[in-house]
Amino acid sequence: MALIGLVRVGADPQDARSQRQALEPICSRLFEETASRRRLIKNRPGLLAAVAEVGDGDALTVTRARSLSASMVDGLETLLDLVDRGVTVKVLVGLAAGEHTGDSELLADIRELRQLRRELQSSRIRAGIRTAREHGGSHGRPRSISDETQREIRMRRDRGESLRSIAGSAGVSIGTAHRVLTQRGSSQGALSPRP
């Protein structure tokens, strides 16, 4: 079994040095990842490169679960995501110390923690929306398209321009241009093809 090491390099050079010292003697290959807020594996080139080197019977090795992400909780979730992808992960010390290959009591607990975290986040969002509505506010990104821009969009469509051309010249998305044209019962003008 080959151990493929991953060092997470952040603001503290001593932390990266201690990770290297723990991993270099036992790993056949060592990869470094610059610390970021990215959690999804597909958005992390350093982690992806290390995972690509992990073959059958090999293990991605980190000093602690926290070395897999920006926080301990995110690190545990990344550990779970890796195991779900079929990657064996070896954690040297800490809460998740050990080799993780499939279902275990710890991974079941992490799944439960992730579900609780999502439910809490969802309930906070719903509470914020409810509070905003109670106070007469709205939620989401405010619509910032001016009346003048809306008139320009309608005028250009009446002249026969395409949605793509209109959106580009008005500096809005095609969806926004379409929404403006479908307001006030002018949906035929928005949806009918133009030469």
Protein backbone atom coordinates (compact mmCIF):
# COMPACT_ATOMS: atom_id res chain seq x y z
CA MET A 1 0.00 0.00 0.00
CA ALA A 2 1.36 3.39 -1.04
CA LEU A 3 0.52 6.45 1.01
CA ILE A 4 -0.06 9.64 -0.97
CA GLY A 5 0.33 12.67 1.30
CA LEU A 6 -1.56 15.95 1.17
CA VAL A 7 -0.23 19.07 2.89
CA ARG A 8 -2.59 22.02 3.24
CA VAL A 9 -0.56 25.22 3.10
CA GLY A 10 -2.18 28.15 4.88
CA ALA A 11 -1.13 31.35 6.61
CA ASP A 12 0.81 29.53 9.33
CA PRO A 13 4.14 28.25 7.91
CA GLN A 14 4.79 26.23 11.08
CA ASP A 15 1.60 24.22 10.50
CA ALA A 16 2.63 23.32 6.93
CA ARG A 17 6.12 22.41 8.16
CA SER A 18 4.72 20.09 10.83
CA GLN A 19 2.42 18.44 8.28
CA ARG A 20 5.41 17.82 5.98
CA GLN A 21 7.50 16.43 8.85
CA ALA A 22 4.75 13.94 9.72
CA LEU A 23 4.02 12.88 6.13
CA GLU A 24 7.41 12.84 4.34
CA PRO A 25 8.82 9.77 6.16
CA ILE A 26 5.76 7.61 5.43
CA CYS A 27 4.44 8.83 2.05
CA SER A 28 5.74 7.83 -1.36
CA ARG A 29 4.52 11.10 -2.84
CA LEU A 30 3.57 14.44 -1.28
CA PHE A 31 1.17 17.01 -2.75
CA GLU A 32 0.54 20.53 -1.51
CA GLU A 33 -2.71 22.43 -1.63
CA THR A 34 -2.96 26.15 -1.00
CA ALA A 35 -5.62 26.79 1.62
CA SER A 36 -8.83 28.33 0.28
CA ARG A 37 -12.53 28.48 1.17
CA ARG A 38 -13.34 25.95 -1.57
CA ARG A 39 -14.93 22.83 -0.20
CA LEU A 40 -16.03 20.91 -3.28
CA ILE A 41 -13.39 18.45 -4.45
CA LYS A 42 -13.94 19.32 -8.13
CA ASN A 43 -12.91 22.94 -7.41
CA ARG A 44 -9.62 22.02 -5.72
CA PRO A 45 -6.79 21.25 -8.17
CA GLY A 46 -4.26 20.32 -5.46
CA LEU A 47 -6.59 17.79 -3.88
CA LEU A 48 -7.63 16.45 -7.30
CA ALA A 49 -3.98 15.90 -8.25
CA ALA A 50 -3.37 13.95 -5.05
CA VAL A 51 -6.53 11.88 -5.51
CA ALA A 52 -5.49 11.05 -9.09
CA GLU A 53 -2.33 9.43 -7.72
CA VAL A 54 -4.22 7.19 -5.28
CA GLY A 55 -4.46 3.77 -6.90
CA ASP A 56 -6.11 0.54 -5.75
CA GLY A 57 -4.86 -0.32 -2.31
CA ASP A 58 -3.31 3.14 -1.82
CA ALA A 59 -4.46 5.79 0.65
CA LEU A 60 -4.63 9.57 0.58
CA THR A 61 -2.93 10.53 3.82
CA VAL A 62 -3.33 13.69 5.91
CA THR A 63 -2.17 14.59 9.39
CA ARG A 64 -5.72 15.38 10.59
CA ALA A 65 -9.19 15.82 9.07
CA ARG A 66 -8.83 19.59 9.44
CA SER A 67 -6.10 19.36 6.78
CA LEU A 68 -8.76 18.48 4.21
CA SER A 69 -10.62 21.80 4.32
CA ALA A 70 -11.00 25.25 5.87
CA SER A 71 -12.59 24.00 9.10
CA MET A 72 -12.89 20.79 11.07
CA VAL A 73 -16.53 20.28 10.05
CA ASP A 74 -15.76 20.92 6.37
CA GLY A 75 -12.74 18.62 6.67
CA LEU A 76 -14.94 15.82 7.98
CA GLU A 77 -17.39 16.37 5.13
CA THR A 78 -14.54 16.30 2.60
CA LEU A 79 -13.35 13.05 4.18
CA LEU A 80 -16.84 11.63 3.69
CA ASP A 81 -16.98 12.86 0.07
CA LEU A 82 -13.62 11.23 -0.67
CA VAL A 83 -14.65 7.90 0.83
CA ASP A 84 -17.94 8.06 -1.11
CA ARG A 85 -15.80 8.44 -4.28
CA GLY A 86 -14.00 5.24 -3.39
CA VAL A 87 -10.81 6.91 -2.13
CA THR A 88 -9.20 5.39 0.95
CA VAL A 89 -8.23 8.14 3.37
CA LYS A 90 -5.78 7.75 6.22
CA VAL A 91 -5.83 10.36 8.99
CA LEU A 92 -2.85 10.25 11.35
CA VAL A 93 -4.15 12.06 14.45
CA GLY A 94 -7.24 13.67 15.90
CA LEU A 95 -10.94 12.95 15.93
CA ALA A 96 -10.94 11.03 12.64
CA ALA A 97 -7.63 9.20 13.17
CA GLY A 98 -7.47 5.90 11.30
CA GLU A 99 -8.00 4.48 7.85
CA HIS A 100 -11.34 5.13 6.19
CA THR A 101 -12.49 2.96 3.30
CA GLY A 102 -16.23 2.53 3.62
CA ASP A 103 -19.03 2.72 6.11
CA SER A 104 -18.06 3.06 9.72
CA GLU A 105 -19.65 4.48 12.84
CA LEU A 106 -17.63 7.69 12.43
CA LEU A 107 -18.72 8.15 8.80
CA ALA A 108 -22.35 7.53 9.79
CA ASP A 109 -21.98 10.26 12.43
CA ILE A 110 -20.48 12.62 9.85
CA ARG A 111 -23.42 11.94 7.51
CA GLU A 112 -25.82 12.77 10.33
CA LEU A 113 -23.86 15.93 11.16
CA ARG A 114 -23.98 17.02 7.51
CA GLN A 115 -27.76 16.49 7.38
CA LEU A 116 -28.28 18.47 10.60
CA ARG A 117 -26.08 21.26 9.27
CA ARG A 118 -28.10 21.48 6.03
CA GLU A 119 -31.40 21.48 7.92
CA LEU A 120 -30.17 24.26 10.22
CA GLN A 121 -28.97 26.32 7.27
CA SER A 122 -32.28 25.81 5.46
CA SER A 123 -34.33 26.79 8.52
CA ARG A 124 -32.23 29.96 8.96
CA ILE A 125 -32.84 30.93 5.35
CA ARG A 126 -36.58 30.32 5.67
CA ALA A 127 -36.68 32.36 8.91
CA GLY A 128 -34.86 35.24 7.21
CA ILE A 129 -37.29 35.22 4.28
CA ARG A 130 -40.25 35.11 6.66
CA THR A 131 -38.87 38.02 8.71
CA ALA A 132 -38.23 40.08 5.57
CA ARG A 133 -41.80 39.50 4.36
CA GLU A 134 -43.24 40.41 7.77
CA HIS A 135 -41.40 43.73 7.63
CA GLY A 136 -42.47 44.45 4.07
CA GLY A 137 -39.10 43.63 2.57
CA SER A 138 -38.11 41.14 -0.04
CA HIS A 139 -35.44 38.50 -0.29
CA GLY A 140 -32.90 37.58 -2.91
CA ARG A 141 -30.85 39.80 -5.14
CA PRO A 142 -32.57 43.12 -5.80
CA ARG A 143 -33.60 43.84 -9.36
CA SER A 144 -31.58 46.79 -10.48
CA ILE A 145 -32.69 47.32 -14.06
CA SER A 146 -33.79 50.92 -14.64
CA ASP A 147 -36.98 52.03 -16.40
CA GLU A 148 -34.81 53.58 -19.11
CA THR A 149 -33.06 50.25 -19.77
CA GLN A 150 -36.43 48.49 -19.89
CA ARG A 151 -37.68 51.00 -22.50
CA GLU A 152 -34.50 50.48 -24.52
CA ILE A 153 -34.99 46.68 -24.46
CA ARG A 154 -38.60 46.99 -25.69
CA MET A 155 -37.67 49.53 -28.37
CA ARG A 156 -34.85 47.35 -29.73
CA ARG A 157 -37.14 44.30 -29.83
CA ASP A 158 -39.76 46.30 -31.72
CA ARG A 159 -37.03 47.12 -34.28
CA GLY A 160 -36.49 43.39 -34.76
CA GLU A 161 -33.23 42.80 -32.86
CA SER A 162 -32.50 39.38 -31.38
CA LEU A 163 -32.60 38.78 -27.61
CA ARG A 164 -28.86 38.12 -27.60
CA SER A 165 -28.11 41.41 -29.33
CA ILE A 166 -30.50 43.33 -27.08
CA ALA A 167 -29.05 41.82 -23.92
CA GLY A 168 -25.50 42.56 -25.01
CA SER A 169 -26.17 46.21 -25.84
CA ALA A 170 -28.26 46.78 -22.68
CA GLY A 171 -25.68 45.08 -20.46
CA VAL A 172 -28.12 42.52 -19.04
CA SER A 173 -28.53 38.77 -19.31
CA ILE A 174 -30.70 37.20 -22.00
CA GLY A 175 -33.02 36.01 -19.23
CA THR A 176 -33.42 39.56 -17.91
CA ALA A 177 -34.17 40.89 -21.39
CA HIS A 178 -36.73 38.11 -21.84
CA ARG A 179 -38.32 38.91 -18.46
CA VAL A 180 -38.65 42.60 -19.38
CA LEU A 181 -40.28 41.71 -22.70
CA THR A 182 -42.73 39.26 -21.14
CA GLN A 183 -43.93 41.78 -18.56
CA ARG A 184 -47.13 43.73 -19.18
CA GLY A 185 -48.56 41.18 -21.59
CA SER A 186 -45.93 41.57 -24.30
CA SER A 187 -44.84 37.93 -24.24
CA GLN A 188 -45.48 37.45 -27.94
CA GLY A 189 -42.86 40.05 -28.76
CA ALA A 190 -40.35 38.30 -26.52
CA LEU A 191 -40.93 34.82 -27.81
CA SER A 192 -41.61 35.29 -31.49
CA PRO A 193 -38.61 34.71 -33.76
CA ARG A 194 -37.11 37.70 -35.49
CA PRO A 195 -35.38 37.64 -38.89
